[in-house]
């Protein structure tokens, strides 16, 4: 992650926070879906990957109890949250509603 977490999630564009773990099988399924979104949307969206094992404080703050958990934030406000693998279509809809 480049930059300060709080600064990034306060951006005016939608930010996807991907809470994941290296040992998590579904997280490995989610990763290419997120990469596809970045290739489709480019600079209009930011994606932050947070390893829950390395970031206990942040995981606790957002009450992450399973991985993957995705959070979409815009202007520092939580606009969407999903636990489990999210489809490209679902993520795209949420992002388009918040651009």
N, C-alpha and C. Protein backbone atom coordinates (compact mmCIF):
# COMPACT_ATOMS: atom_id res chain seq x y z
N UNK A 1 0.85 -1.17 0.00
CA UNK A 1 0.00 0.00 0.00
C UNK A 1 0.89 1.23 0.00
N UNK A 2 0.62 2.12 -0.92
CA UNK A 2 1.37 3.36 -1.00
C UNK A 2 0.57 4.46 -0.32
N UNK A 3 1.21 5.19 0.56
CA UNK A 3 0.53 6.30 1.22
C UNK A 3 -0.15 5.87 2.49
N UNK A 4 -0.79 6.82 3.12
CA UNK A 4 -1.48 6.62 4.37
C UNK A 4 -2.89 6.08 4.11
N UNK A 5 -3.28 5.05 4.83
CA UNK A 5 -4.58 4.40 4.63
C UNK A 5 -5.73 5.40 4.73
N UNK A 6 -5.76 6.18 5.78
CA UNK A 6 -6.85 7.14 5.99
C UNK A 6 -6.92 8.16 4.85
N UNK A 7 -5.79 8.62 4.38
CA UNK A 7 -5.76 9.58 3.28
C UNK A 7 -6.33 8.95 2.01
N UNK A 8 -5.96 7.71 1.75
CA UNK A 8 -6.42 7.02 0.55
C UNK A 8 -7.92 6.80 0.57
N UNK A 9 -8.47 6.33 1.70
CA UNK A 9 -9.91 6.04 1.72
C UNK A 9 -10.76 7.31 1.76
N UNK A 10 -10.15 8.44 2.02
CA UNK A 10 -10.87 9.72 1.99
C UNK A 10 -10.89 10.34 0.60
N UNK A 11 -10.39 9.63 -0.39
CA UNK A 11 -10.34 10.14 -1.76
C UNK A 11 -11.75 10.35 -2.30
N UNK A 12 -11.85 11.22 -3.29
CA UNK A 12 -13.15 11.50 -3.90
C UNK A 12 -13.56 10.40 -4.88
N UNK A 13 -12.62 9.57 -5.31
CA UNK A 13 -12.98 8.44 -6.17
C UNK A 13 -13.21 7.21 -5.28
N UNK A 14 -13.96 6.23 -5.78
CA UNK A 14 -14.19 5.02 -4.99
C UNK A 14 -12.88 4.27 -4.73
N UNK A 15 -12.77 3.74 -3.52
CA UNK A 15 -11.61 2.96 -3.12
C UNK A 15 -12.11 1.59 -2.65
N UNK A 16 -11.58 0.54 -3.26
CA UNK A 16 -11.88 -0.83 -2.82
C UNK A 16 -10.78 -1.26 -1.87
N UNK A 17 -11.17 -1.65 -0.66
CA UNK A 17 -10.22 -2.21 0.29
C UNK A 17 -10.46 -3.71 0.31
N UNK A 18 -9.43 -4.45 -0.06
CA UNK A 18 -9.50 -5.92 -0.11
C UNK A 18 -8.77 -6.48 1.11
N UNK A 19 -9.54 -6.88 2.12
CA UNK A 19 -8.97 -7.54 3.29
C UNK A 19 -8.82 -9.01 2.92
N UNK A 20 -7.57 -9.49 2.91
CA UNK A 20 -7.28 -10.84 2.46
C UNK A 20 -6.19 -11.48 3.32
N UNK A 21 -5.88 -12.73 3.02
CA UNK A 21 -4.77 -13.44 3.66
C UNK A 21 -4.07 -14.29 2.60
N UNK A 22 -2.78 -14.43 2.76
CA UNK A 22 -2.00 -15.20 1.77
C UNK A 22 -2.41 -16.67 1.71
N UNK A 23 -2.89 -17.23 2.81
CA UNK A 23 -3.26 -18.64 2.89
C UNK A 23 -4.70 -18.90 2.41
N UNK A 24 -5.43 -17.87 2.07
CA UNK A 24 -6.87 -17.96 1.78
C UNK A 24 -7.13 -18.31 0.31
N UNK A 25 -7.75 -19.45 0.07
CA UNK A 25 -8.09 -19.87 -1.29
C UNK A 25 -9.04 -18.92 -2.00
N UNK A 26 -10.19 -18.56 -1.38
CA UNK A 26 -11.10 -17.62 -2.04
C UNK A 26 -10.44 -16.26 -2.33
N UNK A 27 -9.48 -15.86 -1.52
CA UNK A 27 -8.77 -14.59 -1.77
C UNK A 27 -7.99 -14.67 -3.08
N UNK A 28 -7.48 -15.86 -3.37
CA UNK A 28 -6.74 -16.05 -4.62
C UNK A 28 -7.68 -16.00 -5.83
N UNK A 29 -8.95 -16.34 -5.62
CA UNK A 29 -9.96 -16.23 -6.67
C UNK A 29 -10.34 -14.76 -6.87
N UNK A 30 -10.41 -14.00 -5.77
CA UNK A 30 -10.81 -12.60 -5.82
C UNK A 30 -9.78 -11.72 -6.52
N UNK A 31 -8.52 -12.02 -6.35
CA UNK A 31 -7.44 -11.17 -6.86
C UNK A 31 -7.53 -10.90 -8.36
N UNK A 32 -7.70 -11.91 -9.24
CA UNK A 32 -7.81 -11.61 -10.67
C UNK A 32 -9.05 -10.79 -11.03
N UNK A 33 -10.11 -10.92 -10.25
CA UNK A 33 -11.32 -10.13 -10.49
C UNK A 33 -11.01 -8.66 -10.26
N UNK A 34 -10.27 -8.38 -9.20
CA UNK A 34 -9.87 -7.00 -8.90
C UNK A 34 -8.92 -6.46 -9.96
N UNK A 35 -8.01 -7.29 -10.42
CA UNK A 35 -7.07 -6.85 -11.47
C UNK A 35 -7.83 -6.51 -12.75
N UNK A 36 -8.85 -7.28 -13.06
CA UNK A 36 -9.66 -7.02 -14.25
C UNK A 36 -10.38 -5.67 -14.11
N UNK A 37 -10.89 -5.38 -12.92
CA UNK A 37 -11.54 -4.08 -12.69
C UNK A 37 -10.58 -2.92 -12.90
N UNK A 38 -9.37 -3.08 -12.40
CA UNK A 38 -8.37 -2.02 -12.57
C UNK A 38 -8.08 -1.80 -14.05
N UNK A 39 -8.01 -2.88 -14.81
CA UNK A 39 -7.73 -2.72 -16.24
C UNK A 39 -8.92 -2.06 -16.96
N UNK A 40 -10.13 -2.29 -16.48
CA UNK A 40 -11.32 -1.68 -17.09
C UNK A 40 -11.49 -0.22 -16.68
N UNK A 41 -11.24 0.09 -15.41
CA UNK A 41 -11.56 1.41 -14.88
C UNK A 41 -10.36 2.33 -14.69
N UNK A 42 -9.17 1.76 -14.69
CA UNK A 42 -7.96 2.57 -14.59
C UNK A 42 -7.92 3.49 -13.39
N UNK A 43 -7.64 4.75 -13.64
CA UNK A 43 -7.46 5.76 -12.60
C UNK A 43 -8.75 6.16 -11.88
N UNK A 44 -9.90 5.68 -12.36
CA UNK A 44 -11.17 6.08 -11.75
C UNK A 44 -11.46 5.36 -10.44
N UNK A 45 -10.62 4.37 -10.13
CA UNK A 45 -10.81 3.59 -8.90
C UNK A 45 -9.44 3.27 -8.29
N UNK A 46 -9.41 3.15 -6.99
CA UNK A 46 -8.20 2.76 -6.27
C UNK A 46 -8.48 1.44 -5.58
N UNK A 47 -7.50 0.55 -5.56
CA UNK A 47 -7.65 -0.71 -4.84
C UNK A 47 -6.50 -0.84 -3.85
N UNK A 48 -6.85 -1.14 -2.61
CA UNK A 48 -5.86 -1.34 -1.55
C UNK A 48 -6.02 -2.78 -1.06
N UNK A 49 -4.92 -3.50 -1.00
CA UNK A 49 -4.94 -4.86 -0.49
C UNK A 49 -4.35 -4.83 0.92
N UNK A 50 -5.12 -5.34 1.89
CA UNK A 50 -4.70 -5.37 3.28
C UNK A 50 -4.62 -6.82 3.74
N UNK A 51 -3.42 -7.28 4.08
CA UNK A 51 -3.23 -8.62 4.62
C UNK A 51 -3.65 -8.60 6.09
N UNK A 52 -4.70 -9.35 6.43
CA UNK A 52 -5.24 -9.31 7.79
C UNK A 52 -4.23 -9.82 8.82
N UNK A 53 -3.35 -10.72 8.41
CA UNK A 53 -2.35 -11.24 9.34
C UNK A 53 -1.26 -10.22 9.65
N UNK A 54 -1.05 -9.28 8.77
CA UNK A 54 -0.02 -8.25 8.94
C UNK A 54 -0.59 -6.95 9.50
N UNK A 55 -1.91 -6.80 9.49
CA UNK A 55 -2.56 -5.54 9.87
C UNK A 55 -3.71 -5.80 10.84
N UNK A 56 -3.38 -6.33 12.01
CA UNK A 56 -4.40 -6.67 13.00
C UNK A 56 -5.22 -5.47 13.45
N UNK A 57 -4.58 -4.32 13.63
CA UNK A 57 -5.31 -3.14 14.10
C UNK A 57 -6.37 -2.70 13.10
N UNK A 58 -6.00 -2.65 11.83
CA UNK A 58 -6.94 -2.24 10.78
C UNK A 58 -8.06 -3.27 10.62
N UNK A 59 -7.70 -4.54 10.69
CA UNK A 59 -8.70 -5.61 10.59
C UNK A 59 -9.69 -5.52 11.74
N UNK A 60 -9.18 -5.22 12.92
CA UNK A 60 -10.05 -5.06 14.09
C UNK A 60 -10.95 -3.84 13.98
N UNK A 61 -10.37 -2.75 13.51
CA UNK A 61 -11.14 -1.51 13.36
C UNK A 61 -12.34 -1.71 12.44
N UNK A 62 -12.16 -2.48 11.38
CA UNK A 62 -13.24 -2.73 10.42
C UNK A 62 -13.99 -4.04 10.69
N UNK A 63 -13.71 -4.65 11.83
CA UNK A 63 -14.39 -5.87 12.28
C UNK A 63 -14.39 -6.96 11.21
N UNK A 64 -13.22 -7.22 10.67
CA UNK A 64 -13.07 -8.25 9.64
C UNK A 64 -13.05 -9.61 10.34
N UNK A 65 -14.02 -10.46 10.02
CA UNK A 65 -14.10 -11.77 10.64
C UNK A 65 -13.92 -12.90 9.64
N UNK A 66 -13.95 -12.58 8.35
CA UNK A 66 -13.69 -13.59 7.33
C UNK A 66 -13.01 -12.91 6.14
N UNK A 67 -12.29 -13.72 5.40
CA UNK A 67 -11.61 -13.20 4.21
C UNK A 67 -12.00 -14.04 3.01
N UNK A 68 -12.09 -13.43 1.84
CA UNK A 68 -11.90 -12.00 1.61
C UNK A 68 -13.12 -11.20 2.08
N UNK A 69 -12.86 -10.01 2.54
CA UNK A 69 -13.90 -9.02 2.79
C UNK A 69 -13.52 -7.78 2.00
N UNK A 70 -14.45 -7.31 1.21
CA UNK A 70 -14.22 -6.11 0.41
C UNK A 70 -15.06 -4.97 0.97
N UNK A 71 -14.44 -3.81 1.03
CA UNK A 71 -15.13 -2.60 1.45
C UNK A 71 -14.92 -1.57 0.35
N UNK A 72 -15.98 -0.87 -0.03
CA UNK A 72 -15.84 0.25 -0.96
C UNK A 72 -16.10 1.52 -0.16
N UNK A 73 -15.16 2.44 -0.25
CA UNK A 73 -15.23 3.71 0.45
C UNK A 73 -15.15 4.85 -0.56
N UNK A 74 -15.85 5.93 -0.26
CA UNK A 74 -15.75 7.13 -1.07
C UNK A 74 -15.88 8.32 -0.13
N UNK A 75 -14.97 9.27 -0.26
CA UNK A 75 -14.95 10.43 0.63
C UNK A 75 -14.91 10.01 2.10
N UNK A 76 -14.24 8.89 2.37
CA UNK A 76 -14.11 8.42 3.74
C UNK A 76 -15.32 7.71 4.31
N UNK A 77 -16.36 7.53 3.51
CA UNK A 77 -17.58 6.88 3.97
C UNK A 77 -17.69 5.49 3.36
N UNK A 78 -18.06 4.53 4.19
CA UNK A 78 -18.29 3.17 3.72
C UNK A 78 -19.57 3.16 2.90
N UNK A 79 -19.46 2.75 1.62
CA UNK A 79 -20.64 2.71 0.76
C UNK A 79 -21.08 1.28 0.42
N UNK A 80 -20.20 0.30 0.70
CA UNK A 80 -20.54 -1.09 0.37
C UNK A 80 -19.57 -2.01 1.10
N UNK A 81 -20.07 -3.16 1.53
CA UNK A 81 -19.23 -4.16 2.20
C UNK A 81 -19.72 -5.54 1.79
N UNK A 82 -18.76 -6.44 1.55
CA UNK A 82 -19.11 -7.79 1.12
C UNK A 82 -18.06 -8.77 1.64
N UNK A 83 -18.52 -9.87 2.25
CA UNK A 83 -17.62 -10.94 2.67
C UNK A 83 -17.78 -12.10 1.69
N UNK A 84 -16.66 -12.69 1.31
CA UNK A 84 -16.66 -13.75 0.30
C UNK A 84 -16.26 -13.17 -1.04
N UNK A 85 -16.16 -14.01 -2.03
CA UNK A 85 -15.74 -13.58 -3.36
C UNK A 85 -16.88 -12.77 -4.00
N UNK A 86 -16.53 -11.57 -4.46
CA UNK A 86 -17.50 -10.71 -5.15
C UNK A 86 -17.23 -10.78 -6.65
N UNK A 87 -18.29 -10.82 -7.43
CA UNK A 87 -18.15 -10.90 -8.88
C UNK A 87 -17.73 -9.56 -9.46
N UNK A 88 -17.16 -9.61 -10.65
CA UNK A 88 -16.80 -8.40 -11.38
C UNK A 88 -18.04 -7.56 -11.60
N UNK A 89 -19.14 -8.18 -11.97
CA UNK A 89 -20.39 -7.49 -12.25
C UNK A 89 -20.90 -6.73 -11.02
N UNK A 90 -20.92 -7.37 -9.86
CA UNK A 90 -21.38 -6.72 -8.63
C UNK A 90 -20.49 -5.54 -8.27
N UNK A 91 -19.18 -5.75 -8.34
CA UNK A 91 -18.25 -4.66 -8.02
C UNK A 91 -18.39 -3.50 -9.00
N UNK A 92 -18.52 -3.82 -10.26
CA UNK A 92 -18.66 -2.78 -11.29
C UNK A 92 -19.90 -1.92 -11.03
N UNK A 93 -21.03 -2.56 -10.68
CA UNK A 93 -22.27 -1.85 -10.40
C UNK A 93 -22.07 -0.88 -9.22
N UNK A 94 -21.48 -1.36 -8.16
CA UNK A 94 -21.25 -0.53 -6.98
C UNK A 94 -20.35 0.65 -7.33
N UNK A 95 -19.29 0.39 -8.07
CA UNK A 95 -18.36 1.46 -8.43
C UNK A 95 -19.01 2.50 -9.32
N UNK A 96 -19.81 2.05 -10.29
CA UNK A 96 -20.46 3.00 -11.21
C UNK A 96 -21.47 3.88 -10.46
N UNK A 97 -22.12 3.33 -9.44
CA UNK A 97 -23.06 4.10 -8.65
C UNK A 97 -22.34 5.16 -7.81
N UNK A 98 -21.07 4.99 -7.59
CA UNK A 98 -20.33 5.87 -6.70
C UNK A 98 -19.25 6.69 -7.40
N UNK A 99 -19.32 6.78 -8.72
CA UNK A 99 -18.33 7.60 -9.44
C UNK A 99 -18.88 8.98 -9.67
